[in-house]
Amino acid sequence: MSNWKERTELLLGAEKAEMLSRAHVLVVGLGGVGAYAAEMVCRAGVGRMTIADSDDVS
């Protein structure tokens, strides 16, 4: 089992894994907690993520 999506499906079941892949999550702020949350949301298999942060990045 080399694919992380397969492992997620084993843990949650096919129906819940499909729900995750169709989900859209908004993460507001990428400070210490926000950055970690965004990474974990991505690793969980959420299909779409919008990130909002008011800080300037250069």
PDB file of N, CA and C in Angstrom:
ATOM      1  N   MET A   1       0.842  -1.171   0.000  1.00  0.00           N
ATOM      2  CA  MET A   1       0.000   0.000   0.000  1.00  0.00           C
ATOM      3  C   MET A   1       0.892   1.240   0.000  1.00  0.00           C
ATOM      4  N   SER A   2       1.173   1.763  -1.160  1.00  0.00           N
ATOM      5  CA  SER A   2       2.108   2.874  -1.264  1.00  0.00           C
ATOM      6  C   SER A   2       1.409   4.224  -1.353  1.00  0.00           C
ATOM      7  N   ASN A   3       0.115   4.238  -1.559  1.00  0.00           N
ATOM      8  CA  ASN A   3      -0.610   5.477  -1.765  1.00  0.00           C
ATOM      9  C   ASN A   3      -1.265   5.919  -0.459  1.00  0.00           C
ATOM     10  N   TRP A   4      -1.018   7.162  -0.033  1.00  0.00           N
ATOM     11  CA  TRP A   4      -1.585   7.648   1.227  1.00  0.00           C
ATOM     12  C   TRP A   4      -3.106   7.742   1.160  1.00  0.00           C
ATOM     13  N   LYS A   5      -3.659   7.938  -0.035  1.00  0.00           N
ATOM     14  CA  LYS A   5      -5.119   7.984  -0.157  1.00  0.00           C
ATOM     15  C   LYS A   5      -5.729   6.616   0.140  1.00  0.00           C
ATOM     16  N   GLU A   6      -5.047   5.574  -0.236  1.00  0.00           N
ATOM     17  CA  GLU A   6      -5.524   4.223   0.068  1.00  0.00           C
ATOM     18  C   GLU A   6      -5.559   3.991   1.578  1.00  0.00           C
ATOM     19  N   ARG A   7      -4.546   4.489   2.275  1.00  0.00           N
ATOM     20  CA  ARG A   7      -4.505   4.323   3.731  1.00  0.00           C
ATOM     21  C   ARG A   7      -5.628   5.115   4.400  1.00  0.00           C
ATOM     22  N   THR A   8      -5.895   6.320   3.889  1.00  0.00           N
ATOM     23  CA  THR A   8      -6.994   7.124   4.427  1.00  0.00           C
ATOM     24  C   THR A   8      -8.318   6.417   4.205  1.00  0.00           C
ATOM     25  N   GLU A   9      -8.483   5.831   3.027  1.00  0.00           N
ATOM     26  CA  GLU A   9      -9.718   5.104   2.726  1.00  0.00           C
ATOM     27  C   GLU A   9      -9.883   3.890   3.634  1.00  0.00           C
ATOM     28  N   LEU A  10      -8.792   3.206   3.933  1.00  0.00           N
ATOM     29  CA  LEU A  10      -8.859   2.071   4.856  1.00  0.00           C
ATOM     30  C   LEU A  10      -9.302   2.524   6.239  1.00  0.00           C
ATOM     31  N   LEU A  11      -8.812   3.673   6.670  1.00  0.00           N
ATOM     32  CA  LEU A  11      -9.132   4.189   7.997  1.00  0.00           C
ATOM     33  C   LEU A  11     -10.574   4.677   8.086  1.00  0.00           C
ATOM     34  N   LEU A  12     -11.016   5.433   7.080  1.00  0.00           N
ATOM     35  CA  LEU A  12     -12.324   6.085   7.135  1.00  0.00           C
ATOM     36  C   LEU A  12     -13.432   5.342   6.410  1.00  0.00           C
ATOM     37  N   GLY A  13     -13.064   4.542   5.440  1.00  0.00           N
ATOM     38  CA  GLY A  13     -14.046   3.905   4.574  1.00  0.00           C
ATOM     39  C   GLY A  13     -14.173   4.696   3.282  1.00  0.00           C
ATOM     40  N   ALA A  14     -14.635   4.040   2.235  1.00  0.00           N
ATOM     41  CA  ALA A  14     -14.692   4.653   0.901  1.00  0.00           C
ATOM     42  C   ALA A  14     -15.629   5.855   0.855  1.00  0.00           C
ATOM     43  N   GLU A  15     -16.775   5.750   1.520  1.00  0.00           N
ATOM     44  CA  GLU A  15     -17.756   6.848   1.474  1.00  0.00           C
ATOM     45  C   GLU A  15     -17.213   8.115   2.132  1.00  0.00           C
ATOM     46  N   LYS A  16     -16.613   7.986   3.293  1.00  0.00           N
ATOM     47  CA  LYS A  16     -16.073   9.161   4.001  1.00  0.00           C
ATOM     48  C   LYS A  16     -14.860   9.732   3.272  1.00  0.00           C
ATOM     49  N   ALA A  17     -14.030   8.881   2.699  1.00  0.00           N
ATOM     50  CA  ALA A  17     -12.877   9.360   1.937  1.00  0.00           C
ATOM     51  C   ALA A  17     -13.341  10.155   0.721  1.00  0.00           C
ATOM     52  N   GLU A  18     -14.410   9.716   0.083  1.00  0.00           N
ATOM     53  CA  GLU A  18     -14.970  10.448  -1.056  1.00  0.00           C
ATOM     54  C   GLU A  18     -15.540  11.788  -0.609  1.00  0.00           C
ATOM     55  N   MET A  19     -16.177  11.823   0.550  1.00  0.00           N
ATOM     56  CA  MET A  19     -16.691  13.089   1.090  1.00  0.00           C
ATOM     57  C   MET A  19     -15.549  14.069   1.335  1.00  0.00           C
ATOM     58  N   LEU A  20     -14.437  13.568   1.868  1.00  0.00           N
ATOM     59  CA  LEU A  20     -13.262  14.420   2.088  1.00  0.00           C
ATOM     60  C   LEU A  20     -12.734  14.977   0.778  1.00  0.00           C
ATOM     61  N   SER A  21     -12.671  14.152  -0.242  1.00  0.00           N
ATOM     62  CA  SER A  21     -12.115  14.599  -1.520  1.00  0.00           C
ATOM     63  C   SER A  21     -13.009  15.636  -2.196  1.00  0.00           C
ATOM     64  N   ARG A  22     -14.302  15.659  -1.853  1.00  0.00           N
ATOM     65  CA  ARG A  22     -15.219  16.653  -2.408  1.00  0.00           C
ATOM     66  C   ARG A  22     -15.334  17.905  -1.538  1.00  0.00           C
ATOM     67  N   ALA A  23     -14.763  17.876  -0.345  1.00  0.00           N
ATOM     68  CA  ALA A  23     -14.900  18.982   0.607  1.00  0.00           C
ATOM     69  C   ALA A  23     -14.063  20.190   0.201  1.00  0.00           C
ATOM     70  N   HIS A  24     -14.513  21.365   0.642  1.00  0.00           N
ATOM     71  CA  HIS A  24     -13.793  22.626   0.441  1.00  0.00           C
ATOM     72  C   HIS A  24     -13.624  23.258   1.819  1.00  0.00           C
ATOM     73  N   VAL A  25     -12.388  23.547   2.193  1.00  0.00           N
ATOM     74  CA  VAL A  25     -12.071  24.072   3.516  1.00  0.00           C
ATOM     75  C   VAL A  25     -11.435  25.444   3.381  1.00  0.00           C
ATOM     76  N   LEU A  26     -11.807  26.367   4.275  1.00  0.00           N
ATOM     77  CA  LEU A  26     -11.201  27.693   4.343  1.00  0.00           C
ATOM     78  C   LEU A  26     -10.313  27.747   5.570  1.00  0.00           C
ATOM     79  N   VAL A  27      -9.036  28.093   5.377  1.00  0.00           N
ATOM     80  CA  VAL A  27      -8.104  28.293   6.482  1.00  0.00           C
ATOM     81  C   VAL A  27      -7.789  29.781   6.525  1.00  0.00           C
ATOM     82  N   VAL A  28      -8.103  30.426   7.654  1.00  0.00           N
ATOM     83  CA  VAL A  28      -7.870  31.859   7.805  1.00  0.00           C
ATOM     84  C   VAL A  28      -6.677  32.050   8.723  1.00  0.00           C
ATOM     85  N   GLY A  29      -5.619  32.665   8.178  1.00  0.00           N
ATOM     86  CA  GLY A  29      -4.403  32.921   8.944  1.00  0.00           C
ATOM     87  C   GLY A  29      -3.427  31.767   8.842  1.00  0.00           C
ATOM     88  N   LEU A  30      -2.204  32.095   8.523  1.00  0.00           N
ATOM     89  CA  LEU A  30      -1.175  31.061   8.405  1.00  0.00           C
ATOM     90  C   LEU A  30      -0.071  31.251   9.435  1.00  0.00           C
ATOM     91  N   GLY A  31      -0.457  31.671  10.629  1.00  0.00           N
ATOM     92  CA  GLY A  31       0.507  31.732  11.719  1.00  0.00           C
ATOM     93  C   GLY A  31       0.905  30.317  12.101  1.00  0.00           C
ATOM     94  N   GLY A  32       1.399  30.143  13.296  1.00  0.00           N
ATOM     95  CA  GLY A  32       1.859  28.827  13.727  1.00  0.00           C
ATOM     96  C   GLY A  32       0.795  27.754  13.629  1.00  0.00           C
ATOM     97  N   VAL A  33      -0.381  28.017  14.141  1.00  0.00           N
ATOM     98  CA  VAL A  33      -1.457  27.023  14.128  1.00  0.00           C
ATOM     99  C   VAL A  33      -2.073  26.897  12.741  1.00  0.00           C
ATOM    100  N   GLY A  34      -2.272  28.014  12.053  1.00  0.00           N
ATOM    101  CA  GLY A  34      -2.896  27.987  10.731  1.00  0.00           C
ATOM    102  C   GLY A  34      -2.088  27.201   9.715  1.00  0.00           C
ATOM    103  N   ALA A  35      -0.778  27.373   9.738  1.00  0.00           N
ATOM    104  CA  ALA A  35       0.078  26.647   8.800  1.00  0.00           C
ATOM    105  C   ALA A  35       0.013  25.144   9.065  1.00  0.00           C
ATOM    106  N   TYR A  36       0.031  24.783  10.337  1.00  0.00           N
ATOM    107  CA  TYR A  36      -0.073  23.370  10.702  1.00  0.00           C
ATOM    108  C   TYR A  36      -1.441  22.818  10.299  1.00  0.00           C
ATOM    109  N   ALA A  37      -2.487  23.585  10.561  1.00  0.00           N
ATOM    110  CA  ALA A  37      -3.839  23.144  10.208  1.00  0.00           C
ATOM    111  C   ALA A  37      -3.971  22.953   8.704  1.00  0.00           C
ATOM    112  N   ALA A  38      -3.427  23.886   7.921  1.00  0.00           N
ATOM    113  CA  ALA A  38      -3.495  23.775   6.460  1.00  0.00           C
ATOM    114  C   ALA A  38      -2.781  22.512   5.981  1.00  0.00           C
ATOM    115  N   GLU A  39      -1.639  22.223   6.570  1.00  0.00           N
ATOM    116  CA  GLU A  39      -0.905  21.015   6.183  1.00  0.00           C
ATOM    117  C   GLU A  39      -1.704  19.757   6.512  1.00  0.00           C
ATOM    118  N   MET A  40      -2.286  19.709   7.701  1.00  0.00           N
ATOM    119  CA  MET A  40      -3.039  18.524   8.108  1.00  0.00           C
ATOM    120  C   MET A  40      -4.313  18.350   7.280  1.00  0.00           C
ATOM    121  N   VAL A  41      -4.959  19.455   6.930  1.00  0.00           N
ATOM    122  CA  VAL A  41      -6.146  19.387   6.072  1.00  0.00           C
ATOM    123  C   VAL A  41      -5.764  18.801   4.717  1.00  0.00           C
ATOM    124  N   CYS A  42      -4.641  19.263   4.194  1.00  0.00           N
ATOM    125  CA  CYS A  42      -4.155  18.753   2.910  1.00  0.00           C
ATOM    126  C   CYS A  42      -3.826  17.264   3.009  1.00  0.00           C
ATOM    127  N   ARG A  43      -3.128  16.887   4.052  1.00  0.00           N
ATOM    128  CA  ARG A  43      -2.744  15.484   4.226  1.00  0.00           C
ATOM    129  C   ARG A  43      -3.943  14.572   4.460  1.00  0.00           C
ATOM    130  N   ALA A  44      -5.015  15.128   4.997  1.00  0.00           N
ATOM    131  CA  ALA A  44      -6.219  14.330   5.239  1.00  0.00           C
ATOM    132  C   ALA A  44      -6.922  13.961   3.945  1.00  0.00           C
ATOM    133  N   GLY A  45      -6.641  14.715   2.879  1.00  0.00           N
ATOM    134  CA  GLY A  45      -7.236  14.385   1.590  1.00  0.00           C
ATOM    135  C   GLY A  45      -8.361  15.305   1.160  1.00  0.00           C
ATOM    136  N   VAL A  46      -8.476  16.463   1.804  1.00  0.00           N
ATOM    137  CA  VAL A  46      -9.513  17.413   1.407  1.00  0.00           C
ATOM    138  C   VAL A  46      -9.239  17.857  -0.019  1.00  0.00           C
ATOM    139  N   GLY A  47     -10.284  17.876  -0.831  1.00  0.00           N
ATOM    140  CA  GLY A  47     -10.131  18.141  -2.259  1.00  0.00           C
ATOM    141  C   GLY A  47      -9.768  19.564  -2.617  1.00  0.00           C
ATOM    142  N   ARG A  48     -10.289  20.536  -1.858  1.00  0.00           N
ATOM    143  CA  ARG A  48     -10.057  21.936  -2.212  1.00  0.00           C
ATOM    144  C   ARG A  48      -9.861  22.745  -0.937  1.00  0.00           C
ATOM    145  N   MET A  49      -8.866  23.636  -0.954  1.00  0.00           N
ATOM    146  CA  MET A  49      -8.582  24.451   0.213  1.00  0.00           C
ATOM    147  C   MET A  49      -8.338  25.885  -0.233  1.00  0.00           C
ATOM    148  N   THR A  50      -8.975  26.823   0.463  1.00  0.00           N
ATOM    149  CA  THR A  50      -8.739  28.240   0.249  1.00  0.00           C
ATOM    150  C   THR A  50      -8.010  28.757   1.479  1.00  0.00           C
ATOM    151  N   ILE A  51      -6.936  29.509   1.247  1.00  0.00           N
ATOM    152  CA  ILE A  51      -6.140  30.050   2.346  1.00  0.00           C
ATOM    153  C   ILE A  51      -6.226  31.565   2.301  1.00  0.00           C
ATOM    154  N   ALA A  52      -6.567  32.178   3.436  1.00  0.00           N
ATOM    155  CA  ALA A  52      -6.647  33.636   3.530  1.00  0.00           C
ATOM    156  C   ALA A  52      -5.729  34.104   4.649  1.00  0.00           C
ATOM    157  N   ASP A  53      -4.870  35.067   4.329  1.00  0.00           N
ATOM    158  CA  ASP A  53      -3.957  35.632   5.318  1.00  0.00           C
ATOM    159  C   ASP A  53      -3.683  37.071   4.933  1.00  0.00           C
ATOM    160  N   SER A  54      -3.737  37.967   5.889  1.00  0.00           N
ATOM    161  CA  SER A  54      -3.562  39.385   5.588  1.00  0.00           C
ATOM    162  C   SER A  54      -2.103  39.829   5.590  1.00  0.00           C
ATOM    163  N   ASP A  55      -1.181  38.970   5.978  1.00  0.00           N
ATOM    164  CA  ASP A  55       0.236  39.335   5.992  1.00  0.00           C
ATOM    165  C   ASP A  55       0.784  39.443   4.577  1.00  0.00           C
ATOM    166  N   ASP A  56       1.724  40.362   4.387  1.00  0.00           N
ATOM    167  CA  ASP A  56       2.419  40.490   3.109  1.00  0.00           C
ATOM    168  C   ASP A  56       3.556  39.483   3.057  1.00  0.00           C
ATOM    169  N   VAL A  57       3.713  38.853   1.920  1.00  0.00           N
ATOM    170  CA  VAL A  57       4.789  37.886   1.720  1.00  0.00           C
ATOM    171  C   VAL A  57       5.717  38.437   0.661  1.00  0.00           C
ATOM    172  N   SER A  58       7.003  38.448   0.984  1.00  0.00           N
ATOM    173  CA  SER A  58       7.953  38.965  -0.013  1.00  0.00           C
ATOM    174  C   SER A  58       9.073  37.982  -0.248  1.00  0.00           C
TER     175      SER A  58
END
